[in-house]
Amino acid sequence: MKKLVALFIAVAFLVMMVAVYVYAAEGGKPAASKFNYVGVKKCKMCHKTKKSGSQFGLWEKRGHARAYATLATEQSKEVAKKAGVKDDPQKAKECLVCHVTAYDVPAAQKMATLTLEEGVSCEACHGPGSAYMKLKVMKDLYAKKANAEDYGYVRSDEKVCLKCHNPKSPTYKKFVFTEALKVIAHPVPEK
């Protein structure tokens, strides 16, 4: 009887582990990642020059960089109120989940250099940068000599954008990925 109970517990544990894996694979939030969010200042170090494509400067001029700041406007406060948000939009989970990078990831994955004030930054689209921020890794990824997943790098696609740009947003406007991509384009120059 004891062997049967032990077998049942082992099988139940395995089923639970498979369920957790499937939940994470299907878009659920995994418990933790081996990669950490480092913040836009770490990205800026390499992505601010003309040679690299001036991606930081392009991001800085666009709406994603001001996503958190916009929550402090009177217009955002009105939108939040109409949507039933009771807190200040700059403190409300319902707003922050789309207006800041990595809002809903465990604190242990956020380095002190990641701030709310940076809004929707590089890592919101490309994943936590602790491993891929190294120059050699970036060069290998660009040359397709390295597997992006091994370093936490996300080759952003429409699914990434639709996490926030969808009809659940109280300010939703029709979202066309190909058009949005043109607006936020920040290519790496060909060598």
N, C-alpha and C. Protein backbone atom coordinates (compact mmCIF):
# COMPACT_ATOMS: atom_id res chain seq x y z
N MET A 1 0.82 -1.19 0.00
CA MET A 1 0.00 0.00 0.00
C MET A 1 0.87 1.26 0.00
N LYS A 2 1.97 1.24 0.80
CA LYS A 2 2.85 2.40 0.86
C LYS A 2 3.49 2.68 -0.49
N LYS A 3 3.83 1.59 -1.22
CA LYS A 3 4.43 1.75 -2.55
C LYS A 3 3.43 2.38 -3.50
N LEU A 4 2.17 2.01 -3.40
CA LEU A 4 1.13 2.56 -4.25
C LEU A 4 0.95 4.06 -3.98
N VAL A 5 0.95 4.45 -2.72
CA VAL A 5 0.82 5.86 -2.34
C VAL A 5 2.03 6.65 -2.86
N ALA A 6 3.22 6.08 -2.69
CA ALA A 6 4.43 6.75 -3.17
C ALA A 6 4.40 6.91 -4.69
N LEU A 7 3.93 5.88 -5.39
CA LEU A 7 3.82 5.96 -6.84
C LEU A 7 2.81 7.03 -7.25
N PHE A 8 1.68 7.07 -6.55
CA PHE A 8 0.66 8.08 -6.83
C PHE A 8 1.22 9.49 -6.64
N ILE A 9 1.95 9.71 -5.57
CA ILE A 9 2.56 11.03 -5.29
C ILE A 9 3.56 11.38 -6.38
N ALA A 10 4.38 10.45 -6.79
CA ALA A 10 5.38 10.69 -7.84
C ALA A 10 4.70 11.07 -9.16
N VAL A 11 3.65 10.32 -9.52
CA VAL A 11 2.92 10.61 -10.76
C VAL A 11 2.25 11.98 -10.66
N ALA A 12 1.64 12.28 -9.52
CA ALA A 12 0.99 13.58 -9.34
C ALA A 12 2.00 14.72 -9.47
N PHE A 13 3.19 14.53 -8.91
CA PHE A 13 4.25 15.54 -9.01
C PHE A 13 4.65 15.74 -10.47
N LEU A 14 4.84 14.66 -11.20
CA LEU A 14 5.22 14.76 -12.62
C LEU A 14 4.14 15.46 -13.43
N VAL A 15 2.88 15.13 -13.19
CA VAL A 15 1.77 15.78 -13.89
C VAL A 15 1.78 17.28 -13.59
N MET A 16 2.00 17.63 -12.33
CA MET A 16 2.05 19.05 -11.95
C MET A 16 3.19 19.76 -12.68
N MET A 17 4.36 19.13 -12.75
CA MET A 17 5.50 19.75 -13.42
C MET A 17 5.23 19.94 -14.92
N VAL A 18 4.60 18.97 -15.55
CA VAL A 18 4.24 19.10 -16.96
C VAL A 18 3.23 20.23 -17.14
N ALA A 19 2.26 20.33 -16.25
CA ALA A 19 1.27 21.40 -16.33
C ALA A 19 1.92 22.76 -16.20
N VAL A 20 2.87 22.91 -15.30
CA VAL A 20 3.58 24.18 -15.14
C VAL A 20 4.35 24.50 -16.42
N TYR A 21 5.01 23.51 -16.99
CA TYR A 21 5.76 23.73 -18.24
C TYR A 21 4.82 24.16 -19.36
N VAL A 22 3.69 23.48 -19.52
CA VAL A 22 2.73 23.81 -20.57
C VAL A 22 2.16 25.20 -20.33
N TYR A 23 1.83 25.53 -19.09
CA TYR A 23 1.31 26.85 -18.74
C TYR A 23 2.29 27.93 -19.18
N ALA A 24 3.56 27.74 -18.88
CA ALA A 24 4.57 28.72 -19.27
C ALA A 24 4.71 28.78 -20.79
N ALA A 25 4.72 27.64 -21.44
CA ALA A 25 4.86 27.60 -22.90
C ALA A 25 3.68 28.24 -23.60
N GLU A 26 2.52 28.19 -22.99
CA GLU A 26 1.32 28.76 -23.58
C GLU A 26 1.14 30.23 -23.24
N GLY A 27 2.15 30.87 -22.66
CA GLY A 27 2.05 32.29 -22.38
C GLY A 27 1.81 32.63 -20.93
N GLY A 28 1.71 31.63 -20.07
CA GLY A 28 1.58 31.90 -18.65
C GLY A 28 2.88 32.47 -18.12
N LYS A 29 2.87 32.97 -16.92
CA LYS A 29 4.07 33.55 -16.36
C LYS A 29 4.91 32.50 -15.67
N PRO A 30 6.09 32.18 -16.18
CA PRO A 30 6.94 31.22 -15.49
C PRO A 30 7.42 31.81 -14.16
N ALA A 31 7.77 30.95 -13.23
CA ALA A 31 8.17 31.39 -11.90
C ALA A 31 9.39 32.31 -11.94
N ALA A 32 10.35 32.00 -12.76
CA ALA A 32 11.55 32.83 -12.84
C ALA A 32 12.29 32.51 -14.12
N SER A 33 13.20 33.37 -14.47
CA SER A 33 14.01 33.18 -15.66
C SER A 33 15.47 33.32 -15.24
N LYS A 34 16.34 32.73 -16.02
CA LYS A 34 17.76 32.89 -15.70
C LYS A 34 18.29 34.21 -16.22
N PHE A 35 17.44 34.98 -16.90
CA PHE A 35 17.85 36.27 -17.45
C PHE A 35 17.19 37.41 -16.67
N ASN A 36 17.91 38.50 -16.55
CA ASN A 36 17.41 39.66 -15.79
C ASN A 36 17.25 40.88 -16.69
N TYR A 37 16.33 41.75 -16.29
CA TYR A 37 16.10 43.01 -16.98
C TYR A 37 17.10 44.03 -16.46
N VAL A 38 17.83 44.65 -17.36
CA VAL A 38 18.93 45.54 -16.97
C VAL A 38 18.61 47.02 -17.12
N GLY A 39 17.60 47.36 -17.90
CA GLY A 39 17.23 48.77 -18.08
C GLY A 39 17.85 49.39 -19.31
N VAL A 40 17.21 50.44 -19.77
CA VAL A 40 17.57 51.09 -21.03
C VAL A 40 18.95 51.74 -21.01
N LYS A 41 19.42 52.14 -19.86
CA LYS A 41 20.75 52.77 -19.80
C LYS A 41 21.85 51.78 -20.21
N LYS A 42 21.64 50.52 -19.91
CA LYS A 42 22.61 49.50 -20.33
C LYS A 42 22.56 49.31 -21.85
N CYS A 43 21.38 49.40 -22.43
CA CYS A 43 21.24 49.28 -23.89
C CYS A 43 21.85 50.50 -24.58
N LYS A 44 21.63 51.65 -23.98
CA LYS A 44 22.10 52.91 -24.55
C LYS A 44 23.61 52.91 -24.79
N MET A 45 24.36 52.26 -23.92
CA MET A 45 25.81 52.28 -24.03
C MET A 45 26.29 51.89 -25.42
N CYS A 46 25.64 50.93 -26.04
CA CYS A 46 26.08 50.48 -27.37
C CYS A 46 25.16 50.94 -28.50
N HIS A 47 23.93 51.28 -28.19
CA HIS A 47 22.95 51.58 -29.23
C HIS A 47 22.65 53.07 -29.38
N LYS A 48 23.63 53.90 -29.10
CA LYS A 48 23.41 55.33 -29.25
C LYS A 48 24.20 55.93 -30.42
N THR A 49 25.15 55.19 -30.97
CA THR A 49 26.00 55.74 -32.02
C THR A 49 25.40 55.54 -33.41
N LYS A 50 25.81 56.39 -34.33
CA LYS A 50 25.38 56.25 -35.73
C LYS A 50 25.79 54.89 -36.28
N LYS A 51 27.00 54.48 -35.93
CA LYS A 51 27.54 53.20 -36.42
C LYS A 51 26.62 52.03 -36.05
N SER A 52 26.01 52.10 -34.86
CA SER A 52 25.13 51.02 -34.41
C SER A 52 23.69 51.21 -34.89
N GLY A 53 23.38 52.37 -35.45
CA GLY A 53 22.02 52.63 -35.93
C GLY A 53 21.25 53.62 -35.08
N SER A 54 21.87 54.16 -34.05
CA SER A 54 21.24 55.16 -33.17
C SER A 54 19.87 54.72 -32.64
N GLN A 55 19.74 53.44 -32.33
CA GLN A 55 18.45 52.91 -31.86
C GLN A 55 17.96 53.63 -30.60
N PHE A 56 18.88 53.93 -29.68
CA PHE A 56 18.46 54.60 -28.45
C PHE A 56 17.81 55.95 -28.75
N GLY A 57 18.44 56.73 -29.60
CA GLY A 57 17.89 58.04 -29.97
C GLY A 57 16.53 57.94 -30.64
N LEU A 58 16.36 56.93 -31.48
CA LEU A 58 15.07 56.72 -32.14
C LEU A 58 14.00 56.37 -31.11
N TRP A 59 14.32 55.45 -30.19
CA TRP A 59 13.37 55.06 -29.14
C TRP A 59 13.02 56.27 -28.28
N GLU A 60 14.02 57.05 -27.91
CA GLU A 60 13.85 58.17 -26.99
C GLU A 60 12.87 59.22 -27.54
N LYS A 61 12.76 59.33 -28.84
CA LYS A 61 11.89 60.33 -29.47
C LYS A 61 10.45 59.84 -29.64
N ARG A 62 10.20 58.61 -29.36
CA ARG A 62 8.90 58.02 -29.66
C ARG A 62 8.07 57.75 -28.40
N GLY A 63 6.82 57.40 -28.62
CA GLY A 63 5.86 57.22 -27.55
C GLY A 63 6.18 56.17 -26.52
N HIS A 64 6.82 55.08 -26.91
CA HIS A 64 7.15 54.04 -25.93
C HIS A 64 8.03 54.59 -24.81
N ALA A 65 8.93 55.49 -25.14
CA ALA A 65 9.82 56.08 -24.13
C ALA A 65 9.04 56.92 -23.12
N ARG A 66 7.91 57.42 -23.52
CA ARG A 66 7.09 58.27 -22.63
C ARG A 66 5.86 57.55 -22.07
N ALA A 67 5.80 56.25 -22.25
CA ALA A 67 4.62 55.50 -21.85
C ALA A 67 4.28 55.66 -20.37
N TYR A 68 5.28 55.65 -19.51
CA TYR A 68 5.03 55.82 -18.07
C TYR A 68 4.63 57.27 -17.77
N ALA A 69 5.34 58.20 -18.36
CA ALA A 69 5.07 59.63 -18.11
C ALA A 69 3.64 60.01 -18.54
N THR A 70 3.14 59.39 -19.60
CA THR A 70 1.79 59.74 -20.06
C THR A 70 0.73 59.39 -19.02
N LEU A 71 1.04 58.45 -18.17
CA LEU A 71 0.06 58.06 -17.14
C LEU A 71 -0.18 59.16 -16.11
N ALA A 72 0.68 60.16 -16.06
CA ALA A 72 0.53 61.27 -15.12
C ALA A 72 -0.34 62.39 -15.68
N THR A 73 -0.71 62.31 -16.95
CA THR A 73 -1.50 63.38 -17.56
C THR A 73 -2.95 63.32 -17.10
N GLU A 74 -3.60 64.46 -17.19
CA GLU A 74 -5.03 64.53 -16.83
C GLU A 74 -5.85 63.62 -17.74
N GLN A 75 -5.48 63.57 -19.01
CA GLN A 75 -6.20 62.71 -19.96
C GLN A 75 -6.10 61.24 -19.52
N SER A 76 -4.92 60.80 -19.11
CA SER A 76 -4.76 59.41 -18.65
C SER A 76 -5.55 59.15 -17.38
N LYS A 77 -5.59 60.13 -16.51
CA LYS A 77 -6.37 59.97 -15.27
C LYS A 77 -7.85 59.82 -15.58
N GLU A 78 -8.35 60.55 -16.58
CA GLU A 78 -9.74 60.43 -17.01
C GLU A 78 -10.00 59.06 -17.62
N VAL A 79 -9.11 58.63 -18.49
CA VAL A 79 -9.25 57.32 -19.14
C VAL A 79 -9.27 56.23 -18.07
N ALA A 80 -8.37 56.32 -17.12
CA ALA A 80 -8.30 55.32 -16.05
C ALA A 80 -9.59 55.30 -15.23
N LYS A 81 -10.09 56.48 -14.92
CA LYS A 81 -11.32 56.59 -14.13
C LYS A 81 -12.49 55.93 -14.88
N LYS A 82 -12.61 56.23 -16.18
CA LYS A 82 -13.68 55.64 -17.00
C LYS A 82 -13.54 54.13 -17.10
N ALA A 83 -12.29 53.65 -17.04
CA ALA A 83 -12.04 52.21 -17.13
C ALA A 83 -12.22 51.51 -15.78
N GLY A 84 -12.53 52.27 -14.75
CA GLY A 84 -12.74 51.67 -13.43
C GLY A 84 -11.49 51.51 -12.60
N VAL A 85 -10.41 52.16 -13.01
CA VAL A 85 -9.16 52.09 -12.25
C VAL A 85 -9.27 53.08 -11.10
N LYS A 86 -9.12 52.59 -9.89
CA LYS A 86 -9.31 53.43 -8.71
C LYS A 86 -8.03 54.15 -8.28
N ASP A 87 -6.87 53.57 -8.59
CA ASP A 87 -5.58 54.15 -8.19
C ASP A 87 -5.09 55.19 -9.20
N ASP A 88 -4.08 55.91 -8.78
CA ASP A 88 -3.32 56.78 -9.68
C ASP A 88 -2.80 55.89 -10.80
N PRO A 89 -2.99 56.26 -12.07
CA PRO A 89 -2.53 55.40 -13.18
C PRO A 89 -1.04 55.03 -13.10
N GLN A 90 -0.21 55.91 -12.52
CA GLN A 90 1.21 55.59 -12.40
C GLN A 90 1.49 54.58 -11.29
N LYS A 91 0.45 54.17 -10.58
CA LYS A 91 0.60 53.16 -9.54
C LYS A 91 -0.30 51.96 -9.75
N ALA A 92 -1.18 52.04 -10.74
CA ALA A 92 -2.18 51.00 -10.96
C ALA A 92 -1.64 49.87 -11.84
N LYS A 93 -1.75 48.67 -11.33
CA LYS A 93 -1.28 47.48 -12.07
C LYS A 93 -1.89 47.42 -13.45
N GLU A 94 -3.20 47.74 -13.54
CA GLU A 94 -3.90 47.66 -14.82
C GLU A 94 -3.24 48.53 -15.89
N CYS A 95 -2.62 49.63 -15.47
CA CYS A 95 -1.96 50.54 -16.40
C CYS A 95 -0.48 50.18 -16.58
N LEU A 96 0.18 49.93 -15.47
CA LEU A 96 1.62 49.69 -15.50
C LEU A 96 2.02 48.45 -16.28
N VAL A 97 1.16 47.47 -16.32
CA VAL A 97 1.50 46.23 -17.02
C VAL A 97 1.84 46.48 -18.49
N CYS A 98 1.28 47.53 -19.08
CA CYS A 98 1.59 47.86 -20.48
C CYS A 98 2.41 49.14 -20.63
N HIS A 99 2.53 49.93 -19.59
CA HIS A 99 3.22 51.21 -19.70
C HIS A 99 4.64 51.22 -19.17
N VAL A 100 5.10 50.09 -18.62
CA VAL A 100 6.49 49.98 -18.18
C VAL A 100 7.02 48.59 -18.54
N THR A 101 8.30 48.51 -18.68
CA THR A 101 8.96 47.25 -19.03
C THR A 101 9.02 46.33 -17.82
N ALA A 102 8.64 45.09 -18.01
CA ALA A 102 8.78 44.02 -17.01
C ALA A 102 8.03 44.29 -15.71
N TYR A 103 6.92 44.98 -15.79
CA TYR A 103 6.19 45.31 -14.56
C TYR A 103 5.81 44.06 -13.77
N ASP A 104 5.33 43.04 -14.47
CA ASP A 104 4.80 41.88 -13.77
C ASP A 104 5.75 40.69 -13.65
N VAL A 105 7.05 40.94 -13.79
CA VAL A 105 8.01 39.85 -13.57
C VAL A 105 8.50 39.91 -12.12
N PRO A 106 8.99 38.79 -11.59
CA PRO A 106 9.47 38.79 -10.21
C PRO A 106 10.57 39.84 -9.98
N ALA A 107 10.56 40.45 -8.82
CA ALA A 107 11.54 41.50 -8.48
C ALA A 107 12.98 41.01 -8.62
N ALA A 108 13.20 39.75 -8.37
CA ALA A 108 14.56 39.19 -8.46
C ALA A 108 15.11 39.26 -9.88
N GLN A 109 14.24 39.41 -10.88
CA GLN A 109 14.68 39.50 -12.27
C GLN A 109 14.93 40.94 -12.71
N LYS A 110 14.71 41.89 -11.85
CA LYS A 110 14.87 43.30 -12.21
C LYS A 110 16.09 43.88 -11.51
N MET A 111 17.06 44.28 -12.31
CA MET A 111 18.25 44.92 -11.74
C MET A 111 17.87 46.35 -11.34
N ALA A 112 18.63 46.94 -10.44
CA ALA A 112 18.35 48.29 -9.96
C ALA A 112 18.40 49.32 -11.08
N THR A 113 19.03 48.99 -12.18
CA THR A 113 19.15 49.91 -13.31
C THR A 113 17.88 49.97 -14.17
N LEU A 114 16.92 49.10 -13.91
CA LEU A 114 15.62 49.14 -14.61
C LEU A 114 14.69 50.04 -13.82
N THR A 115 14.11 51.04 -14.48
CA THR A 115 13.22 51.97 -13.78
C THR A 115 11.86 52.05 -14.45
N LEU A 116 10.86 52.44 -13.69
CA LEU A 116 9.53 52.67 -14.25
C LEU A 116 9.58 53.81 -15.26
N GLU A 117 10.37 54.82 -14.94
CA GLU A 117 10.42 56.04 -15.75
C GLU A 117 10.83 55.81 -17.20
N GLU A 118 11.52 54.72 -17.48
CA GLU A 118 11.93 54.48 -18.86
C GLU A 118 10.77 54.00 -19.73
N GLY A 119 9.62 53.74 -19.13
CA GLY A 119 8.45 53.36 -19.91
C GLY A 119 8.63 52.01 -20.58
N VAL A 120 8.25 51.94 -21.83
CA VAL A 120 8.34 50.71 -22.61
C VAL A 120 9.65 50.78 -23.38
N SER A 121 10.63 50.09 -22.87
CA SER A 121 11.97 50.19 -23.44
C SER A 121 12.35 48.92 -24.20
N CYS A 122 13.59 48.86 -24.58
CA CYS A 122 14.14 47.78 -25.42
C CYS A 122 13.72 46.39 -24.96
N GLU A 123 13.86 46.14 -23.68
CA GLU A 123 13.63 44.80 -23.15
C GLU A 123 12.16 44.39 -23.14
N ALA A 124 11.26 45.35 -23.27
CA ALA A 124 9.84 45.02 -23.37
C ALA A 124 9.57 44.22 -24.65
N CYS A 125 10.32 44.52 -25.67
CA CYS A 125 10.16 43.85 -26.97
C CYS A 125 11.20 42.76 -27.20
N HIS A 126 12.40 42.95 -26.66
CA HIS A 126 13.50 42.04 -26.97
C HIS A 126 13.90 41.11 -25.83
N GLY A 127 13.17 41.16 -24.71
CA GLY A 127 13.46 40.27 -23.60
C GLY A 127 14.55 40.79 -22.69
N PRO A 128 14.68 40.17 -21.51
CA PRO A 128 15.67 40.62 -20.52
C PRO A 128 17.10 40.53 -21.07
N GLY A 129 17.86 41.60 -20.91
CA GLY A 129 19.15 41.72 -21.58
C GLY A 129 20.40 41.31 -20.85
N SER A 130 20.28 40.75 -19.67
CA SER A 130 21.49 40.47 -18.88
C SER A 130 22.51 39.59 -19.60
N ALA A 131 22.07 38.67 -20.43
CA ALA A 131 23.01 37.78 -21.12
C ALA A 131 23.36 38.28 -22.52
N TYR A 132 22.41 38.86 -23.22
CA TYR A 132 22.71 39.26 -24.59
C TYR A 132 23.30 40.66 -24.72
N MET A 133 23.41 41.40 -23.63
CA MET A 133 23.93 42.76 -23.72
C MET A 133 25.44 42.82 -23.99
N LYS A 134 26.09 41.71 -23.87
CA LYS A 134 27.53 41.68 -24.13
C LYS A 134 27.78 41.83 -25.62
N LEU A 135 28.78 42.63 -25.99
CA LEU A 135 29.06 42.94 -27.38
C LEU A 135 29.27 41.69 -28.23
N LYS A 136 30.05 40.74 -27.73
CA LYS A 136 30.31 39.52 -28.50
C LYS A 136 29.01 38.77 -28.78
N VAL A 137 28.15 38.69 -27.79
CA VAL A 137 26.88 37.99 -27.96
C VAL A 137 26.03 38.71 -28.99
N MET A 138 25.95 40.04 -28.90
CA MET A 138 25.15 40.80 -29.86
C MET A 138 25.68 40.59 -31.28
N LYS A 139 26.98 40.61 -31.45
CA LYS A 139 27.56 40.38 -32.78
C LYS A 139 27.21 38.99 -33.28
N ASP A 140 27.30 38.00 -32.40
CA ASP A 140 26.98 36.62 -32.80
C ASP A 140 25.49 36.48 -33.14
N LEU A 141 24.62 37.15 -32.38
CA LEU A 141 23.19 37.10 -32.67
C LEU A 141 22.91 37.74 -34.02
N TYR A 142 23.52 38.89 -34.26
CA TYR A 142 23.30 39.61 -35.52
C TYR A 142 23.80 38.78 -36.70
N ALA A 143 24.92 38.09 -36.52
CA ALA A 143 25.49 37.25 -37.58
C ALA A 143 24.84 35.87 -37.63
N LYS A 144 23.86 35.64 -36.75
CA LYS A 144 23.16 34.36 -36.64
C LYS A 144 24.10 33.19 -36.32
N LYS A 145 25.13 33.50 -35.52
CA LYS A 145 26.06 32.48 -35.05
C LYS A 145 25.66 31.97 -33.67
N ALA A 146 24.66 32.60 -33.08
CA ALA A 146 24.20 32.21 -31.74
C ALA A 146 22.68 32.09 -31.76
N ASN A 147 22.18 31.24 -30.90
CA ASN A 147 20.74 31.04 -30.76
C ASN A 147 20.20 32.08 -29.80
N ALA A 148 19.28 32.91 -30.26
CA ALA A 148 18.73 34.01 -29.46
C ALA A 148 18.17 33.52 -28.12
N GLU A 149 17.46 32.40 -28.13
CA GLU A 149 16.84 31.88 -26.91
C GLU A 149 17.86 31.54 -25.83
N ASP A 150 19.06 31.15 -26.24
CA ASP A 150 20.09 30.81 -25.27
C ASP A 150 20.52 32.01 -24.44
N TYR A 151 20.22 33.21 -24.93
CA TYR A 151 20.63 34.44 -24.25
C TYR A 151 19.45 35.29 -23.81
N GLY A 152 18.24 34.79 -23.96
CA GLY A 152 17.06 35.53 -23.54
C GLY A 152 16.61 36.58 -24.54
N TYR A 153 17.25 36.65 -25.70
CA TYR A 153 16.90 37.64 -26.70
C TYR A 153 15.65 37.21 -27.45
N VAL A 154 14.72 38.13 -27.60
CA VAL A 154 13.48 37.87 -28.31
C VAL A 154 13.51 38.61 -29.64
N ARG A 155 13.31 37.88 -30.71
CA ARG A 155 13.15 38.52 -32.02
C ARG A 155 11.67 38.88 -32.09
N SER A 156 11.40 40.11 -31.74
CA SER A 156 10.03 40.59 -31.56
C SER A 156 9.15 40.33 -32.77
N ASP A 157 7.89 40.04 -32.49
CA ASP A 157 6.92 39.81 -33.54
C ASP A 157 5.57 40.40 -33.13
N GLU A 158 4.58 40.16 -33.93
CA GLU A 158 3.26 40.73 -33.69
C GLU A 158 2.69 40.30 -32.33
N LYS A 159 2.94 39.06 -31.93
CA LYS A 159 2.41 38.57 -30.64
C LYS A 159 2.91 39.41 -29.47
N VAL A 160 4.17 39.84 -29.54
CA VAL A 160 4.73 40.67 -28.47
C VAL A 160 3.96 41.98 -28.38
N CYS A 161 3.68 42.60 -29.51
CA CYS A 161 2.96 43.87 -29.53
C CYS A 161 1.52 43.72 -29.04
N LEU A 162 0.89 42.62 -29.44
CA LEU A 162 -0.52 42.42 -29.12
C LEU A 162 -0.79 42.17 -27.64
N LYS A 163 0.26 41.96 -26.86
CA LYS A 163 0.06 41.83 -25.42
C LYS A 163 -0.53 43.12 -24.85
N CYS A 164 -0.21 44.24 -25.46
CA CYS A 164 -0.74 45.53 -25.00
C CYS A 164 -1.61 46.24 -26.04
N HIS A 165 -1.24 46.13 -27.28
CA HIS A 165 -1.99 46.80 -28.35
C HIS A 165 -3.14 45.91 -28.79
N ASN A 166 -4.17 45.86 -27.94
CA ASN A 166 -5.32 45.00 -28.21
C ASN A 166 -6.59 45.66 -27.69
N PRO A 167 -7.76 45.15 -28.06
CA PRO A 167 -9.03 45.79 -27.66
C PRO A 167 -9.28 45.89 -26.15
N LYS A 168 -8.49 45.21 -25.33
CA LYS A 168 -8.65 45.33 -23.87
C LYS A 168 -8.17 46.70 -23.37
N SER A 169 -7.33 47.35 -24.16
CA SER A 169 -6.81 48.67 -23.78
C SER A 169 -7.93 49.70 -23.88
N PRO A 170 -8.09 50.55 -22.87
CA PRO A 170 -9.16 51.56 -22.93
C PRO A 170 -8.91 52.63 -24.00
N THR A 171 -7.70 52.69 -24.55
CA THR A 171 -7.41 53.68 -25.61
C THR A 171 -7.08 52.97 -26.93
N TYR A 172 -7.58 51.77 -27.09
CA TYR A 172 -7.26 50.97 -28.28
C TYR A 172 -7.67 51.67 -29.56
N LYS A 173 -6.73 51.64 -30.50
CA LYS A 173 -6.97 52.06 -31.88
C LYS A 173 -6.58 50.87 -32.73
N LYS A 174 -7.20 50.73 -33.88
CA LYS A 174 -6.89 49.60 -34.75
C LYS A 174 -5.38 49.44 -34.87
N PHE A 175 -4.91 48.22 -34.62
CA PHE A 175 -3.48 47.95 -34.64
C PHE A 175 -3.13 47.11 -35.85
N VAL A 176 -2.27 47.65 -36.70
CA VAL A 176 -1.79 46.93 -37.87
C VAL A 176 -0.28 46.78 -37.69
N PHE A 177 0.15 45.58 -37.43
CA PHE A 177 1.54 45.31 -37.09
C PHE A 177 2.52 45.87 -38.12
N THR A 178 2.27 45.63 -39.39
CA THR A 178 3.22 46.08 -40.42
C THR A 178 3.36 47.60 -40.43
N GLU A 179 2.28 48.30 -40.15
CA GLU A 179 2.34 49.77 -40.09
C GLU A 179 3.05 50.23 -38.81
N ALA A 180 2.74 49.59 -37.69
CA ALA A 180 3.37 49.94 -36.41
C ALA A 180 4.87 49.70 -36.48
N LEU A 181 5.27 48.65 -37.15
CA LEU A 181 6.69 48.33 -37.28
C LEU A 181 7.45 49.45 -38.00
N LYS A 182 6.83 50.06 -38.98
CA LYS A 182 7.46 51.18 -39.70
C LYS A 182 7.68 52.36 -38.75
N VAL A 183 6.73 52.60 -37.87
CA VAL A 183 6.81 53.73 -36.93
C VAL A 183 7.93 53.54 -35.92
N ILE A 184 8.15 52.32 -35.47
CA ILE A 184 9.17 52.08 -34.45
C ILE A 184 10.46 51.50 -35.00
N ALA A 185 10.61 51.48 -36.31
CA ALA A 185 11.80 50.87 -36.93
C ALA A 185 13.09 51.44 -36.34
N HIS A 186 14.02 50.55 -36.08
CA HIS A 186 15.33 50.94 -35.53
C HIS A 186 16.36 49.89 -35.96
N PRO A 187 16.58 49.79 -37.27
CA PRO A 187 17.46 48.74 -37.80
C PRO A 187 18.93 48.92 -37.45
N VAL A 188 19.62 47.80 -37.42
CA VAL A 188 21.07 47.80 -37.27
C VAL A 188 21.63 47.95 -38.69
N PRO A 189 22.53 48.90 -38.90
CA PRO A 189 23.07 49.11 -40.25
C PRO A 189 23.81 47.87 -40.77
N GLU A 190 23.71 47.66 -42.07
CA GLU A 190 24.45 46.58 -42.72
C GLU A 190 25.92 46.93 -42.68
N LYS A 191 26.76 45.95 -42.56
CA LYS A 191 28.21 46.20 -42.51
C LYS A 191 28.85 46.00 -43.84
